[in-house]
Every structure is written in structure tokens, then in C-alpha cells.
Amino acid sequence: MKRPASEVVRPPERERVQSLARGLAVIQAFRADRARMTLTEVATTTNMTRAAARRFLLTLEDLGFVASDGKYFSLTPHVLRLGYAYLSSLCWWHIAQPFMEEVARSVQESCSAAALDGDEIVYLARVPASRIMSVNLSIGTRLPAYCTSMGRVLLAHKSPSSIDAYLAGAKLEKRTARTLADQDRLRAEIVKVRAQGYSVINEELEAGVRSVAVPLFDRNGNCIAALNIGGAASRATIRHVLDVYLPTLQEASRKITAALP
């Protein structure tokens, strides 16, 4: 059986291509809050010397991944080819989209799909509601796993040792007054989510936002992603989330699995 990406054992140091790792670190240094950086800023962010950072930036510029105006460097749309290669390799992505659209139309709330990447979830597909939410989410958005409904569902389907490793290393912070940030209580909640088959988050990620998530399985019963419905707490009580959102989401998950090759 193929080992999940989050459980892959790191290769010995002698087998690691250090230059590749450092080049990817330069790409990942750019974020929404630092979309344009000088050579010095890139070097500082990646903990490299200016000379090393310059070599990587010039190489990435030559390959079309980075652009420069002579002072500032920034990523180009060419970088999206890396992410799209992953998305296009997911056979369930295009299959899930129409079912997610059906969910969003039915409950008039956003429907999303995400996978686990380290301590965070990454949004892989999303059908937004017409309403505006204070949480700005799109494909590629990352959120902490411990206080999101999809994160808890994905963690619940990891091995006990993987859950232990996650809890030992995760930085649990109180994002709202309701955030569950105690390690033992969080572990108990993850076990509960596994048993009941879904997770409900009640204003733990952001005040005024509720969500419910269920696992998405492949034909072999492996959890390959999580699906959720999220919306404003003012529009949906917990009872409504459980009576309306949850069964709608569970049905969509079953339909997607049945449609998978």
C-alpha cells in the first residue's frame, strides 16, 4: 500500500538534493504579505547568504518562475504549473466538482474540499456561496488542522502514531474563546470524530463561523480528502448544521466515491 505523504520517511541526508530543497525554499518564501522582495529580504527569509539567494533567484528567473525589475523579485504565473500538476493528478477533483456545486446550491453555503499537508489543511477545491464571509478562502489556502472541521476529519483517519506525532509538534493556539487548544481534549475530540464520521466546528477558527466536514473515501476505503460546508453562525444553529448540512454533505461524499474509477 502506498504510504500517505504525511507519513513518508525522510531519506538519508546523503540522498537529499540540497540545491533542489533550497530552490523550493526560495519559491515558498514568497507569500501574500511579501509578494515582492529584494535580494536581501529573500536571503534573510530563507536563511541563505546573499550570494546563494542570488544564484537561486537568477536560476528561477531564467526558468520563468521569478520576475525582477532590477530591485524586487516576485513569482510569475509560471509557478502555477507546479500546483496544477498536483491538482490534475487527482482523479477525484473534477469528479467532485459538480457534486460540490449541488451541495452549495442546496444549502446556499460554501462547499470545500481539502487535504492534509503537515500541520495544515490545504484547500484543493471550493464552490463559494454568493454571500461574503469574513474568512477569505480559495484554492491553495492553508489553515491549521486542529481547529478546522476538515482538519479534524483528516487527522481522525490517520494512524494513532501519526496523531501522536501531530499533537506533539502542533502549535495549539486559542484563535477564539471557543478554540479547543488543550492537547488531551483535542485527542479525545479526534477519536470522537473518527467514531461518529464527521466534525463540527463551532466558532473555533473564527468567531461567527461554523462548519461541518465529512471524509471523502476512495473505492478502497482510504480517506483521500475531506469535504465541508461552512457559513455564518447567525444563519445556522448547530441543530440546523446537523439536520440539514451534515446529511447533504454525507450524500455528496457517497456519490463522489461511487463515481470514482
Protein backbone atom coordinates (compact mmCIF):
# COMPACT_ATOMS: atom_id res chain seq x y z
CA MET A 1 0.00 0.00 0.00
CA LYS A 2 1.24 3.44 -0.84
CA ARG A 3 2.36 5.38 2.22
CA PRO A 4 0.49 8.68 2.80
CA ALA A 5 2.59 11.75 2.02
CA SER A 6 2.42 12.94 5.63
CA GLU A 7 3.93 9.64 6.80
CA VAL A 8 6.75 9.30 4.26
CA VAL A 9 10.10 8.71 5.96
CA ARG A 10 12.70 11.34 5.06
CA PRO A 11 15.60 9.97 3.00
CA PRO A 12 19.12 9.90 4.43
CA GLU A 13 20.89 13.24 4.15
CA ARG A 14 23.31 11.85 1.56
CA GLU A 15 20.39 11.14 -0.78
CA ARG A 16 18.84 14.61 -0.48
CA VAL A 17 19.47 17.09 -3.31
CA GLN A 18 20.22 20.15 -1.23
CA SER A 19 20.13 22.59 -4.12
CA LEU A 20 16.62 21.44 -5.08
CA ALA A 21 15.44 21.85 -1.49
CA ARG A 22 16.90 25.35 -1.29
CA GLY A 23 15.43 26.35 -4.64
CA LEU A 24 11.97 25.30 -3.48
CA ALA A 25 12.55 27.21 -0.24
CA VAL A 26 13.09 30.38 -2.28
CA ILE A 27 9.80 29.85 -4.13
CA GLN A 28 7.95 29.21 -0.86
CA ALA A 29 9.42 32.34 0.70
CA PHE A 30 7.02 34.48 -1.33
CA ARG A 31 3.61 34.91 0.29
CA ALA A 32 0.64 37.25 0.17
CA ASP A 33 2.27 39.59 2.67
CA ARG A 34 5.62 39.53 0.87
CA ALA A 35 4.76 39.16 -2.79
CA ARG A 36 7.74 41.33 -3.79
CA MET A 37 11.12 41.03 -2.08
CA THR A 38 14.63 42.34 -2.51
CA LEU A 39 17.61 40.01 -2.68
CA THR A 40 18.42 40.78 0.95
CA GLU A 41 14.86 40.01 2.05
CA VAL A 42 14.89 36.67 0.23
CA ALA A 43 18.24 35.78 1.76
CA THR A 44 17.01 36.68 5.26
CA THR A 45 13.71 34.82 4.86
CA THR A 46 15.40 31.64 3.61
CA ASN A 47 18.40 31.89 5.93
CA MET A 48 20.81 31.93 3.00
CA THR A 49 23.75 34.09 2.11
CA ARG A 50 23.05 36.86 -0.40
CA ALA A 51 25.30 35.10 -2.92
CA ALA A 52 23.37 31.81 -2.63
CA ALA A 53 19.98 33.53 -2.75
CA ARG A 54 21.07 35.48 -5.84
CA ARG A 55 22.08 32.28 -7.67
CA PHE A 56 18.74 30.63 -6.95
CA LEU A 57 16.75 33.73 -7.89
CA LEU A 58 18.60 34.15 -11.17
CA THR A 59 18.12 30.47 -11.99
CA LEU A 60 14.40 30.69 -11.23
CA GLU A 61 14.19 33.85 -13.30
CA ASP A 62 15.88 32.09 -16.21
CA LEU A 63 13.35 29.25 -15.91
CA GLY A 64 10.43 31.69 -15.86
CA PHE A 65 9.31 31.15 -12.27
CA VAL A 66 10.54 34.52 -10.99
CA ALA A 67 10.50 38.05 -12.44
CA SER A 68 12.60 41.05 -11.42
CA ASP A 69 12.50 44.79 -12.03
CA GLY A 70 16.13 45.16 -11.05
CA LYS A 71 15.46 45.59 -7.34
CA TYR A 72 12.45 43.50 -6.39
CA PHE A 73 11.77 39.86 -7.21
CA SER A 74 8.32 38.28 -7.49
CA LEU A 75 6.80 34.99 -8.62
CA THR A 76 5.28 34.65 -12.07
CA PRO A 77 2.13 32.73 -13.11
CA HIS A 78 4.51 30.01 -14.34
CA VAL A 79 4.67 28.79 -10.72
CA LEU A 80 1.04 27.70 -11.03
CA ARG A 81 2.21 24.88 -13.29
CA LEU A 82 3.68 23.19 -10.20
CA GLY A 83 0.41 23.31 -8.29
CA TYR A 84 -1.73 22.39 -11.26
CA ALA A 85 0.38 19.31 -11.88
CA TYR A 86 -0.74 18.07 -8.46
CA LEU A 87 -4.39 19.01 -8.93
CA SER A 88 -4.54 17.42 -12.38
CA SER A 89 -3.17 14.18 -10.91
CA LEU A 90 -6.13 13.89 -8.54
CA CYS A 91 -8.73 11.80 -10.32
CA TRP A 92 -11.44 12.79 -7.82
CA TRP A 93 -11.05 16.55 -8.24
CA HIS A 94 -13.07 17.03 -11.45
CA ILE A 95 -15.49 14.29 -10.41
CA ALA A 96 -16.23 16.00 -7.09
CA GLN A 97 -16.83 19.47 -8.52
CA PRO A 98 -20.43 19.03 -9.80
CA PHE A 99 -21.49 17.31 -6.58
CA MET A 100 -19.97 20.15 -4.56
CA GLU A 101 -21.85 22.64 -6.73
CA GLU A 102 -25.05 20.74 -5.98
CA VAL A 103 -24.33 20.97 -2.26
CA ALA A 104 -23.68 24.71 -2.42
CA ARG A 105 -26.91 25.31 -4.35
CA SER A 106 -28.91 23.14 -1.98
CA VAL A 107 -27.84 24.75 1.30
CA GLN A 108 -26.82 28.17 -0.04
CA GLU A 109 -23.44 27.93 1.67
CA SER A 110 -19.88 27.31 0.51
CA CYS A 111 -18.66 23.77 -0.07
CA SER A 112 -14.94 22.96 0.02
CA ALA A 113 -12.51 20.06 -0.21
CA ALA A 114 -9.10 19.88 1.42
CA ALA A 115 -6.18 17.57 2.11
CA LEU A 116 -3.73 17.45 4.99
CA ASP A 117 -0.22 18.81 4.49
CA GLY A 118 1.85 18.67 7.65
CA ASP A 119 0.11 20.64 10.40
CA GLU A 120 -2.22 22.39 7.96
CA ILE A 121 -5.06 21.68 5.60
CA VAL A 122 -4.81 22.89 2.01
CA TYR A 123 -7.92 23.80 0.03
CA LEU A 124 -7.99 21.82 -3.23
CA ALA A 125 -11.49 22.66 -4.48
CA ARG A 126 -14.13 25.17 -3.45
CA VAL A 127 -17.59 26.27 -4.53
CA PRO A 128 -18.29 29.58 -2.79
CA ALA A 129 -21.71 30.81 -1.75
CA SER A 130 -22.89 34.12 -3.12
CA ARG A 131 -22.64 35.63 0.34
CA ILE A 132 -19.44 37.30 1.56
CA MET A 133 -17.70 35.71 4.54
CA SER A 134 -15.02 37.33 6.65
CA VAL A 135 -12.75 34.30 6.01
CA ASN A 136 -11.23 34.73 2.54
CA LEU A 137 -10.75 31.21 1.23
CA SER A 138 -9.61 29.95 -2.16
CA ILE A 139 -7.78 27.01 -3.68
CA GLY A 140 -4.35 26.80 -2.07
CA THR A 141 -5.46 28.45 1.18
CA ARG A 142 -3.86 26.90 4.24
CA LEU A 143 -5.44 26.72 7.68
CA PRO A 144 -4.37 24.96 10.90
CA ALA A 145 -5.74 21.43 11.09
CA TYR A 146 -6.54 21.36 14.80
CA CYS A 147 -9.29 24.00 14.75
CA THR A 148 -10.93 23.27 11.39
CA SER A 149 -13.62 20.70 10.67
CA MET A 150 -11.78 19.28 7.66
CA GLY A 151 -8.54 19.17 9.62
CA ARG A 152 -10.07 17.10 12.41
CA VAL A 153 -11.68 14.72 9.93
CA LEU A 154 -8.36 14.20 8.17
CA LEU A 155 -6.47 13.76 11.43
CA ALA A 156 -9.10 11.27 12.62
CA HIS A 157 -8.23 8.98 9.72
CA LYS A 158 -4.51 8.94 10.44
CA SER A 159 -2.79 6.18 12.36
CA PRO A 160 -2.55 6.56 16.16
CA SER A 161 1.19 7.14 15.88
CA SER A 162 0.67 9.89 13.29
CA ILE A 163 -1.89 11.58 15.53
CA ASP A 164 0.53 11.38 18.46
CA ALA A 165 3.28 12.94 16.34
CA TYR A 166 0.94 15.70 15.18
CA LEU A 167 -0.20 16.58 18.69
CA ALA A 168 3.39 16.54 19.97
CA GLY A 169 4.54 19.04 17.37
CA ALA A 170 1.50 21.18 16.58
CA LYS A 171 1.32 24.72 17.92
CA LEU A 172 -2.13 24.88 19.51
CA GLU A 173 -3.32 28.45 19.93
CA LYS A 174 -6.59 29.95 21.11
CA ARG A 175 -7.85 31.64 17.96
CA THR A 176 -11.18 32.41 19.63
CA ALA A 177 -12.63 31.91 23.09
CA ARG A 178 -14.08 28.59 21.85
CA THR A 179 -10.91 27.14 20.29
CA LEU A 180 -10.03 23.71 21.63
CA ALA A 181 -6.29 24.09 22.29
CA ASP A 182 -5.72 21.51 25.03
CA GLN A 183 -3.78 18.51 23.74
CA ASP A 184 -5.66 15.84 25.70
CA ARG A 185 -9.08 17.27 24.91
CA LEU A 186 -8.16 17.62 21.26
CA ARG A 187 -7.03 14.00 21.14
CA ALA A 188 -10.37 12.92 22.62
CA GLU A 189 -12.21 15.04 20.05
CA ILE A 190 -10.26 13.47 17.17
CA VAL A 191 -11.16 10.00 18.45
CA LYS A 192 -14.80 11.11 18.68
CA VAL A 193 -14.72 12.43 15.10
CA ARG A 194 -13.39 9.08 13.85
CA ALA A 195 -16.19 7.22 15.64
CA GLN A 196 -19.07 9.44 14.52
CA GLY A 197 -17.80 10.09 10.99
CA TYR A 198 -17.96 13.88 10.96
CA SER A 199 -16.67 17.01 12.67
CA VAL A 200 -18.48 20.20 13.62
CA ILE A 201 -16.52 23.36 14.39
CA ASN A 202 -18.45 25.97 16.35
CA GLU A 203 -16.64 29.31 16.11
CA GLU A 204 -13.21 27.82 16.89
CA LEU A 205 -11.41 29.08 13.80
CA GLU A 206 -13.12 32.45 13.71
CA ALA A 207 -15.90 33.95 15.79
CA GLY A 208 -19.22 33.81 13.97
CA VAL A 209 -18.24 30.94 11.63
CA ARG A 210 -19.49 27.34 11.86
CA SER A 211 -18.61 24.38 9.65
CA VAL A 212 -19.17 20.66 9.34
CA ALA A 213 -16.93 18.19 7.50
CA VAL A 214 -17.00 14.55 6.44
CA PRO A 215 -14.32 12.30 4.96
CA LEU A 216 -14.11 11.54 1.26
CA PHE A 217 -13.09 7.94 0.58
CA ASP A 218 -11.76 6.23 -2.50
CA ARG A 219 -13.13 2.89 -3.68
CA ASN A 220 -10.75 1.06 -1.31
CA GLY A 221 -12.00 2.90 1.77
CA ASN A 222 -8.98 5.19 2.10
CA CYS A 223 -9.64 8.77 3.20
CA ILE A 224 -8.32 10.89 0.33
CA ALA A 225 -9.73 14.29 1.34
CA ALA A 226 -12.37 16.00 3.46
CA LEU A 227 -15.50 17.86 2.37
CA ASN A 228 -17.11 20.65 4.33
CA ILE A 229 -19.87 23.22 4.41
CA GLY A 230 -19.07 26.47 6.16
CA GLY A 231 -21.10 29.55 6.89
CA ALA A 232 -22.04 32.26 9.35
CA ALA A 233 -23.26 31.11 12.75
CA SER A 234 -26.01 33.71 12.53
CA ARG A 235 -27.60 31.76 9.66
CA ALA A 236 -27.40 28.27 11.11
CA THR A 237 -27.79 26.82 14.57
CA ILE A 238 -25.87 23.69 15.50
CA ARG A 239 -29.14 21.78 15.12
CA HIS A 240 -29.52 23.08 11.56
CA VAL A 241 -25.92 22.16 10.78
CA LEU A 242 -26.56 18.59 11.95
CA ASP A 243 -30.04 18.18 10.47
CA VAL A 244 -29.51 19.90 7.11
CA TYR A 245 -25.84 20.46 6.27
CA LEU A 246 -24.49 17.13 7.52
CA PRO A 247 -26.80 14.74 5.62
CA THR A 248 -26.39 16.81 2.45
CA LEU A 249 -22.63 16.56 2.77
CA GLN A 250 -22.68 12.84 3.57
CA GLU A 251 -24.79 12.15 0.50
CA ALA A 252 -22.40 14.13 -1.69
CA SER A 253 -19.45 12.20 -0.28
CA ARG A 254 -21.15 8.87 -1.06
CA LYS A 255 -21.96 10.00 -4.60
CA ILE A 256 -18.39 11.14 -5.27
CA THR A 257 -16.94 7.85 -4.01
CA ALA A 258 -19.39 5.88 -6.16
CA ALA A 259 -18.37 7.93 -9.21
CA LEU A 260 -14.64 7.37 -8.71
CA PRO A 261 -12.91 4.90 -11.05
